Protein backbone atom coordinates (compact mmCIF):
# COMPACT_ATOMS: atom_id res chain seq x y z
CA ALA A 1 67.14 46.00 -21.46
CA SER A 2 67.18 48.61 -24.21
CA CYS A 3 66.36 48.55 -27.91
CA VAL A 4 68.12 50.13 -30.87
CA GLN A 5 65.81 49.84 -33.88
CA TYR A 6 65.82 46.07 -34.67
CA ARG A 7 68.10 45.04 -31.81
CA LEU A 8 67.31 44.22 -28.20
CA VAL A 9 70.30 44.67 -25.86
CA VAL A 10 70.28 43.08 -22.38
CA ARG A 11 72.95 44.40 -19.99
CA ASP A 12 74.14 43.60 -16.49
CA VAL A 13 72.91 46.39 -14.19
CA ASN A 14 76.10 46.59 -12.12
CA THR A 15 78.70 46.55 -14.94
CA LEU A 16 76.59 47.51 -18.00
CA GLN A 17 78.26 44.65 -19.89
CA ILE A 18 76.16 43.21 -22.72
CA LEU A 19 74.79 39.79 -21.69
CA GLN A 20 72.53 39.07 -24.67
CA LEU A 21 71.88 40.57 -28.07
CA TYR A 22 68.68 39.65 -29.91
CA THR A 23 67.64 40.69 -33.41
CA CYS A 24 63.93 41.21 -34.08
CA LEU A 25 62.02 41.10 -37.36
CA ASP A 26 61.26 44.82 -37.43
CA GLN A 27 61.79 48.05 -35.53
CA ILE A 28 60.90 47.54 -31.84
CA GLN A 29 58.30 49.95 -30.51
CA TYR A 30 57.73 48.56 -27.01
CA ILE A 31 59.58 46.24 -24.61
CA GLU A 32 58.50 44.74 -21.28
CA TRP A 33 60.05 42.30 -18.80
CA SER A 34 58.04 39.41 -17.39
CA SER A 35 57.46 39.56 -13.63
CA ASP A 36 60.20 36.97 -12.93
CA SER A 37 62.70 38.61 -15.36
CA LEU A 38 63.09 35.35 -17.33
CA PHE A 39 61.38 36.58 -20.51
CA ILE A 40 61.15 39.84 -22.38
CA LEU A 41 58.58 40.78 -25.01
CA CYS A 42 59.23 43.08 -27.96
CA ALA A 43 56.17 44.51 -29.71
CA MET A 44 56.30 45.65 -33.32
CA TYR A 45 52.94 47.37 -33.71
CA LYS A 46 53.42 48.29 -37.38
CA ARG A 47 53.82 44.60 -38.30
CA GLY A 48 51.28 43.29 -35.77
CA ILE A 49 53.96 41.02 -34.28
CA VAL A 50 55.22 40.29 -30.76
CA GLN A 51 58.50 38.42 -30.25
CA VAL A 52 59.40 36.88 -26.89
CA TRP A 53 62.98 36.09 -25.82
CA SER A 54 64.19 33.83 -23.02
CA LEU A 55 67.13 34.87 -20.85
CA GLU A 56 67.80 31.30 -19.69
CA GLN A 57 67.57 29.73 -23.16
CA PRO A 58 68.79 32.22 -25.78
CA ASP A 59 68.03 29.73 -28.59
CA TRP A 60 64.34 29.48 -27.60
CA HIS A 61 62.16 31.86 -29.56
CA CYS A 62 58.50 32.74 -29.80
CA LYS A 63 56.62 34.83 -32.34
CA ILE A 64 53.00 35.92 -31.99
CA ASP A 65 51.43 37.26 -35.19
CA GLU A 66 48.05 38.95 -34.90
CA GLY A 67 47.74 39.02 -38.71
CA SER A 68 45.07 41.21 -40.24
CA ALA A 69 43.59 42.02 -36.80
CA GLY A 70 46.59 44.30 -36.18
CA LEU A 71 48.13 45.29 -32.85
CA VAL A 72 47.94 48.49 -30.78
CA ALA A 73 49.07 47.32 -27.30
CA SER A 74 50.82 44.37 -25.67
CA CYS A 75 51.57 43.49 -22.05
CA TRP A 76 52.42 40.61 -19.70
CA SER A 77 50.03 39.03 -17.26
CA PRO A 78 51.33 39.02 -13.63
CA ASP A 79 52.40 35.35 -13.83
CA GLY A 80 54.84 36.14 -16.66
CA ARG A 81 53.53 33.26 -18.81
CA HIS A 82 50.64 34.91 -20.68
CA ILE A 83 50.69 37.84 -23.11
CA LEU A 84 47.70 40.13 -23.66
CA ASN A 85 47.50 41.70 -27.11
CA THR A 86 44.96 44.39 -27.97
CA THR A 87 43.98 44.38 -31.68
CA GLU A 88 43.36 47.41 -33.86
CA PHE A 89 40.15 49.40 -33.25
CA HIS A 90 40.03 47.66 -29.82
CA LEU A 91 37.95 44.83 -31.24
CA ARG A 92 39.32 42.29 -28.74
CA ILE A 93 42.12 41.35 -26.36
CA THR A 94 43.87 38.07 -27.22
CA VAL A 95 45.42 36.16 -24.30
CA TRP A 96 48.28 33.91 -25.47
CA SER A 97 49.71 31.23 -23.16
CA LEU A 98 53.44 30.50 -23.49
CA CYS A 99 53.03 27.20 -21.60
CA THR A 100 50.07 25.54 -23.36
CA LYS A 101 50.02 27.70 -26.54
CA SER A 102 46.28 28.14 -25.94
CA VAL A 103 44.42 31.35 -26.87
CA SER A 104 41.57 33.16 -25.09
CA TYR A 105 39.60 36.16 -26.32
CA ILE A 106 38.09 39.12 -24.47
CA LYS A 107 35.69 41.13 -26.63
CA TYR A 108 34.96 44.87 -26.80
CA PRO A 109 37.79 46.33 -24.67
CA LYS A 110 37.41 50.09 -24.32
CA ALA A 111 39.92 52.43 -25.95
CA CYS A 112 40.79 54.59 -22.95
CA GLN A 113 43.87 55.80 -21.09
CA GLN A 114 43.91 52.93 -18.58
CA GLY A 115 41.59 50.09 -19.61
CA ILE A 116 43.29 47.03 -18.05
CA ALA A 117 44.19 46.73 -14.35
CA PHE A 118 45.66 43.78 -12.42
CA THR A 119 45.49 43.36 -8.65
CA LYS A 120 48.88 43.60 -6.94
CA ASP A 121 48.84 39.89 -6.02
CA GLY A 122 48.17 39.00 -9.68
CA ARG A 123 44.99 37.03 -8.99
CA TYR A 124 42.42 39.21 -10.75
CA MET A 125 42.21 41.42 -13.82
CA ALA A 126 39.66 44.14 -14.51
CA VAL A 127 38.94 45.18 -18.10
CA ALA A 128 36.96 48.26 -19.15
CA GLU A 129 34.54 47.46 -21.99
CA ARG A 130 32.28 49.48 -24.25
CA ARG A 131 29.24 47.97 -25.94
CA ASP A 132 25.87 49.40 -27.01
CA CYS A 133 27.09 52.88 -26.07
CA LYS A 134 27.51 51.86 -22.42
CA ASP A 135 30.54 51.24 -20.20
CA PHE A 136 31.06 47.89 -18.48
CA ILE A 137 33.69 46.26 -16.26
CA SER A 138 34.59 42.57 -16.51
CA ILE A 139 36.64 40.94 -13.74
CA PHE A 140 38.61 37.81 -14.70
CA VAL A 141 40.48 35.22 -12.63
CA CYS A 142 44.04 35.28 -14.01
CA SER A 143 44.78 31.59 -13.31
CA ASP A 144 42.29 30.30 -15.93
CA TRP A 145 40.90 33.54 -17.50
CA GLN A 146 37.35 32.69 -16.38
CA LEU A 147 34.89 35.57 -16.03
CA LEU A 148 34.19 36.28 -12.35
CA ARG A 149 31.94 39.36 -12.59
CA HIS A 150 30.47 41.54 -15.33
CA PHE A 151 28.63 44.78 -14.51
CA ASP A 152 27.82 48.14 -16.05
CA THR A 153 29.25 51.35 -14.59
CA GLU A 154 27.53 54.67 -13.98
CA THR A 155 29.92 56.58 -16.25
CA GLN A 156 29.29 58.74 -19.31
CA ASP A 157 32.63 57.88 -20.91
CA LEU A 158 34.92 55.81 -18.68
CA PHE A 159 38.52 57.06 -18.75
CA GLY A 160 40.49 54.81 -16.41
CA ILE A 161 40.44 52.04 -13.80
CA GLU A 162 42.86 51.16 -11.00
CA TRP A 163 42.83 48.58 -8.18
CA ALA A 164 43.71 49.52 -4.62
CA PRO A 165 47.03 47.84 -3.68
CA ASN A 166 45.17 45.41 -1.37
CA GLY A 167 43.01 44.26 -4.30
CA CYS A 168 39.68 44.89 -2.52
CA VAL A 169 38.45 48.05 -4.27
CA LEU A 170 38.45 49.13 -7.91
CA ALA A 171 38.49 52.87 -8.65
CA VAL A 172 36.73 53.86 -11.91
CA TRP A 173 36.79 57.47 -13.12
CA ASP A 174 34.97 59.32 -15.86
CA THR A 175 36.17 61.53 -18.70
CA CYS A 176 37.49 64.98 -17.74
CA LEU A 177 34.19 66.51 -18.92
CA GLU A 178 32.45 65.09 -15.84
CA TYR A 179 33.89 64.95 -12.31
CA LYS A 180 32.94 61.47 -11.13
CA ILE A 181 34.87 58.65 -9.46
CA LEU A 182 33.19 55.32 -8.58
CA LEU A 183 34.46 52.68 -6.16
CA TYR A 184 33.49 49.04 -6.72
CA SER A 185 34.11 45.95 -4.63
CA LEU A 186 35.58 42.73 -6.07
CA ASP A 187 32.07 41.30 -6.54
CA GLY A 188 30.87 44.33 -8.52
CA ARG A 189 28.94 46.21 -5.79
CA LEU A 190 29.07 50.01 -5.99
CA LEU A 191 30.60 51.08 -2.66
CA SER A 192 30.60 54.83 -3.21
CA THR A 193 30.43 57.65 -5.75
CA TYR A 194 32.35 60.90 -5.31
CA ARG A 195 31.78 64.17 -7.17
CA ALA A 196 33.52 67.38 -6.11
CA TYR A 197 31.76 69.78 -8.50
CA GLU A 198 29.81 69.95 -11.78
CA TRP A 199 29.92 71.82 -15.10
CA SER A 200 33.69 72.16 -15.27
CA LEU A 201 36.69 70.05 -16.29
CA GLY A 202 37.06 67.21 -13.79
CA ILE A 203 39.58 64.51 -12.89
CA LYS A 204 43.10 64.61 -14.37
CA SER A 205 45.12 62.13 -12.24
CA VAL A 206 44.47 59.42 -9.63
CA ALA A 207 46.80 57.63 -7.17
CA TRP A 208 46.26 55.06 -4.41
CA SER A 209 48.42 55.17 -1.28
CA PRO A 210 50.53 51.98 -0.81
CA SER A 211 48.47 51.07 2.30
CA SER A 212 45.15 51.42 0.34
CA GLN A 213 43.93 53.84 3.06
CA PHE A 214 43.89 56.96 0.86
CA LEU A 215 42.86 57.75 -2.69
CA ALA A 216 44.31 61.00 -4.08
CA ILE A 217 42.40 62.66 -6.93
CA GLY A 218 44.05 65.48 -8.89
CA SER A 219 41.75 67.70 -10.92
CA TYR A 220 41.73 70.58 -13.37
CA ASP A 221 40.82 73.09 -10.63
CA GLU A 222 44.44 72.82 -9.31
CA LYS A 223 43.45 70.85 -6.19
CA VAL A 224 44.12 67.36 -4.86
CA ARG A 225 41.34 65.74 -2.84
CA ILE A 226 42.08 62.87 -0.47
CA LEU A 227 39.38 60.23 0.16
CA ASN A 228 39.57 57.83 3.12
CA HIS A 229 38.97 54.06 2.83
CA VAL A 230 36.31 53.81 5.56
CA THR A 231 33.56 56.14 4.34
CA TRP A 232 35.04 57.10 0.93
CA LYS A 233 34.41 60.72 1.83
CA LYS A 234 36.86 63.60 1.41
CA ILE A 235 39.07 64.15 4.45
CA THR A 236 41.04 67.09 3.06
CA GLU A 237 41.98 68.96 -0.09
CA PHE A 238 45.37 70.36 -1.04
CA GLU A 239 45.44 73.66 -2.91
CA HIS A 240 48.37 74.73 -5.13
CA PRO A 241 48.48 78.55 -5.00
CA ALA A 242 51.10 80.63 -6.80
CA THR A 243 52.16 82.30 -3.54
CA ILE A 244 53.36 80.26 -0.54
CA ALA A 245 52.86 82.17 2.68
CA ASN A 246 53.01 79.51 5.42
CA THR A 247 56.24 79.93 7.39
CA LYS A 248 56.30 76.20 8.26
CA THR A 249 56.70 75.26 4.58
CA ILE A 250 60.29 74.86 3.35
CA VAL A 251 60.87 76.19 -0.18
CA TYR A 252 64.03 74.95 -1.89
CA LYS A 253 64.94 77.19 -4.85
CA GLU A 254 67.37 75.97 -7.50
CA VAL A 255 70.03 78.56 -8.31
CA GLU A 256 72.73 78.36 -10.97
CA LYS A 257 76.37 79.09 -10.33
CA SER A 258 79.15 79.26 -12.90
CA PRO A 259 82.04 76.89 -12.20
CA SER A 260 85.27 78.42 -10.96
CA VAL A 261 88.36 77.25 -12.87
CA GLU A 262 91.90 78.08 -11.84
CA THR A 263 93.77 79.97 -14.56
CA GLU A 264 96.80 77.64 -14.18
CA ARG A 265 94.65 74.73 -15.39
CA LEU A 266 93.64 76.52 -18.57
CA SER A 267 95.31 75.25 -21.71
CA PHE A 268 94.63 75.84 -25.38
CA PRO A 269 92.96 73.95 -26.83
CA PRO A 270 91.25 72.96 -23.55
CA THR A 271 90.95 69.28 -22.69
CA ARG A 272 87.56 67.73 -23.32
CA ALA A 273 86.83 67.31 -19.59
CA LEU A 274 87.82 70.93 -18.88
CA ALA A 275 85.77 72.24 -21.80
CA SER A 276 82.65 70.43 -20.63
CA SER A 277 83.11 71.74 -17.08
CA LEU A 278 83.70 75.28 -18.37
CA PHE A 279 80.44 75.45 -20.27
CA SER A 280 78.20 73.41 -17.97
CA THR A 281 76.59 75.49 -15.26
CA GLN A 282 76.30 73.87 -11.88
CA SER A 283 73.29 74.32 -9.64
CA LYS A 284 72.49 74.10 -5.96
CA TYR A 285 69.51 74.72 -3.70
CA ASP A 286 68.90 77.77 -1.54
CA ILE A 287 66.17 77.94 1.08
CA SER A 288 63.85 80.82 0.17
CA GLN A 289 62.29 83.16 2.68
CA VAL A 290 58.49 82.92 2.67
CA PRO A 291 56.31 84.35 1.27
CA VAL A 292 57.49 83.01 -2.11
CA SER A 293 55.86 83.73 -5.48
CA LEU A 294 56.12 80.83 -7.94
CA GLN A 295 56.09 81.21 -11.71
CA TYR A 296 52.44 80.84 -12.78
CA ILE A 297 51.42 80.24 -16.40
CA LYS A 298 47.91 81.09 -17.47
CA PRO A 299 46.60 78.26 -19.72
CA VAL A 300 45.53 78.96 -23.30
CA ALA A 301 41.78 78.46 -23.06
CA ASP A 302 40.99 77.88 -26.75
CA ARG A 303 43.34 74.89 -27.23
CA ALA A 304 42.79 71.20 -26.54
CA ASN A 305 44.47 69.60 -23.48
CA PRO A 306 45.21 72.87 -21.67
CA LYS A 307 48.29 72.88 -19.41
CA MET A 308 46.36 73.23 -16.20
CA GLY A 309 45.49 71.19 -13.15
CA ILE A 310 47.23 68.39 -11.27
CA GLY A 311 49.05 66.36 -13.93
CA MET A 312 51.27 64.17 -11.70
CA LEU A 313 50.66 62.44 -8.35
CA ALA A 314 52.74 59.87 -6.43
CA PHE A 315 52.77 58.53 -2.87
CA SER A 316 56.05 57.61 -1.19
CA PRO A 317 56.52 53.88 -0.48
CA ASP A 318 56.24 54.38 3.30
CA ASN A 319 52.88 56.20 2.93
CA CYS A 320 54.26 59.36 4.61
CA PHE A 321 54.49 61.78 1.66
CA LEU A 322 52.61 62.71 -1.50
CA ALA A 323 54.40 64.46 -4.40
CA THR A 324 52.31 66.50 -6.84
CA LYS A 325 52.76 68.79 -9.83
CA ASN A 326 50.36 71.54 -10.83
CA ASP A 327 50.66 72.08 -14.60
CA ASN A 328 49.86 75.80 -14.14
CA ILE A 329 53.09 76.09 -12.09
CA PRO A 330 55.32 73.84 -14.24
CA ASN A 331 58.63 74.44 -12.39
CA ALA A 332 57.50 73.29 -8.92
CA VAL A 333 57.16 69.96 -7.11
CA TRP A 334 54.90 69.99 -4.04
CA ILE A 335 55.58 67.46 -1.27
CA TRP A 336 52.79 66.95 1.28
CA ASP A 337 53.08 65.37 4.73
CA ILE A 338 50.30 62.74 4.79
CA GLN A 339 50.49 62.18 8.56
CA LYS A 340 49.80 65.87 9.27
CA LEU A 341 47.88 66.49 5.98
CA LYS A 342 49.91 69.66 5.38
CA LEU A 343 52.29 71.06 2.79
CA PHE A 344 55.83 70.09 3.84
CA VAL A 345 58.24 71.16 1.07
CA VAL A 346 58.17 72.88 -2.32
CA LEU A 347 61.01 72.42 -4.82
CA GLU A 348 61.23 75.39 -7.19
CA GLN A 349 63.27 74.41 -10.27
CA LEU A 350 64.71 76.58 -13.05
CA CYS A 351 63.13 74.40 -15.78
CA ALA A 352 59.76 72.67 -16.12
CA ILE A 353 59.35 69.32 -14.34
CA GLN A 354 59.48 66.44 -16.84
CA SER A 355 59.17 63.50 -14.46
CA PHE A 356 59.52 62.45 -10.84
CA GLN A 357 59.58 59.07 -9.13
CA TRP A 358 59.95 57.81 -5.55
CA ASP A 359 62.72 55.43 -4.49
CA PRO A 360 60.90 52.06 -4.04
CA ARG A 361 62.55 51.44 -0.65
CA GLN A 362 62.60 54.79 1.17
CA PRO A 363 61.12 58.30 1.06
CA ARG A 364 63.54 59.73 -1.51
CA LEU A 365 62.23 61.52 -4.59
CA ALA A 366 64.15 61.82 -7.88
CA VAL A 367 63.19 64.67 -10.23
CA CYS A 368 64.31 65.56 -13.76
CA THR A 369 63.66 68.78 -15.70
CA GLY A 370 64.97 68.14 -19.22
CA ASN A 371 68.56 69.17 -18.52
CA SER A 372 71.60 67.03 -17.63
CA LYS A 373 70.94 67.08 -13.87
CA VAL A 374 68.99 64.82 -11.56
CA TYR A 375 67.56 66.24 -8.34
CA LEU A 376 67.08 64.19 -5.18
CA TRP A 377 64.94 65.12 -2.19
CA SER A 378 64.59 63.31 1.13
CA PRO A 379 63.43 64.57 4.54
CA ALA A 380 67.13 65.19 5.28
CA GLY A 381 67.50 67.73 2.46
CA CYS A 382 67.84 68.35 -1.24
CA VAL A 383 70.69 67.92 -3.73
CA SER A 384 71.37 68.60 -7.43
CA VAL A 385 73.58 66.06 -9.24
CA GLN A 386 75.21 66.64 -12.63
CA ALA A 387 75.16 63.55 -14.84
CA PRO A 388 78.79 63.08 -16.01
CA VAL A 389 77.89 62.66 -19.68
CA GLU A 390 79.55 64.24 -22.68
CA GLY A 391 77.51 66.30 -25.10
CA ASP A 392 73.90 67.37 -24.82
CA PHE A 393 72.20 64.88 -22.48
CA GLN A 394 68.68 66.03 -21.64
CA ILE A 395 67.07 63.79 -19.01
CA VAL A 396 63.37 63.50 -19.86
CA SER A 397 62.46 60.51 -17.66
CA LEU A 398 63.96 58.28 -15.00
CA SER A 399 63.35 54.83 -13.56
CA TRP A 400 64.45 53.45 -10.18
CA ARG A 401 65.80 49.92 -9.78
CA SER A 402 63.57 47.87 -7.47
CA SER A 403 66.37 47.69 -4.84
CA GLY A 404 66.65 51.51 -4.80
CA ASP A 405 70.46 51.53 -5.18
CA SER A 406 70.52 52.81 -8.79
CA MET A 407 68.34 54.42 -11.43
CA ALA A 408 68.28 54.77 -15.19
CA LEU A 409 68.28 58.31 -16.59
CA LEU A 410 66.79 58.52 -20.07
CA SER A 411 67.15 61.10 -22.82
CA LYS A 412 65.62 60.81 -26.29
CA ASP A 413 68.60 58.91 -27.72
CA ASN A 414 70.77 57.80 -24.78
CA PHE A 415 70.58 56.50 -21.26
CA CYS A 416 72.95 56.36 -18.33
CA VAL A 417 72.77 54.51 -15.02
CA CYS A 418 73.22 56.46 -11.81
CA TYR A 419 74.49 54.45 -8.82
CA LEU A 420 73.77 55.67 -5.30
CA GLU A 421 75.92 54.78 -2.35
CA ARG A 422 74.07 52.90 0.35
CA GLU A 423 74.03 54.56 3.73
CA GLU A 424 75.73 52.55 6.46
CA VAL A 425 73.16 51.60 9.10
């Protein structure tokens, strides 16, 4: 699904043919599929309205108007039949049921980066709350929205919450001004508190491993610390230095090469395909000899949100690898071997990393850097692929299909779908 101002366009993934076209009441600012892909919500925050469309019954329509309370966020519950709307100033979360048309209210949700978290099985929801200048967590049962547990947290200014994939442990971390991460059980007991250091900028990113055995914490000191699920103590830390000296680490360096065109093919004026190939530089990977010095940028200390520390973290679906990005070294992706707890590969790009995402089915990482190429890494090697798009197509983010056989490449104004051939087993 994609939106163009007022219009919502639903396409077939394999052919990109338009299946449905819906017209909303105002400019769409956010869209989200329900978990079973039968409904899609379109949020229009300026108007305080959410419209829901049915794929099975195109004539069915639903409009949720928050009125004077306003709207700043909207999302589906895991069952795909309830919508959670957060009102302006985070006064409350309204839970709307599409089946019974009933409404439930959750008061005082906290305005933070990640204030709502659902367990992977969809049974429970945790909500960060702020009242009387203190942080609280409420845990709700998603089947009937009854409150299961309510407890205060030992945080100065709670910044985010995330469930372990097995739904047994809730990670709660503090603002970047204080390095503190707390681990709570489903019944609200504090299992452990972890602090790496004091009096310096703290946690920047957090990621659970798919098996729930490891919790990776990226911080502003350019390190990733890995906690284990038995004692919740640190088992190792990964540093991100500007010079890579270990001979066992493979460093793939992107190099540009100008395309070679036979003079017999040249015509004037050149054909459109030839012109685009003439002016588009191709790239490939070379394996660098260690030691390798990476491009290091010293952050500007007197500005807010300095470009420093571990800004991106992601585990591979098979639990074997962890991909990280250190914002001080913006052109590099670091891939760590989790079984050996060592640095495995570094990808050194020509441009700054915009986004990366693992294939949901296998250890294959897709990377984009704001140009018209997508880069793929797997343990077998590394490849640079030119998106065959006319004009200036700068890929700023990407999204894998759940089956792993295609992905959407997104620029500011366009998107294209990249199909990958399946390997014969």
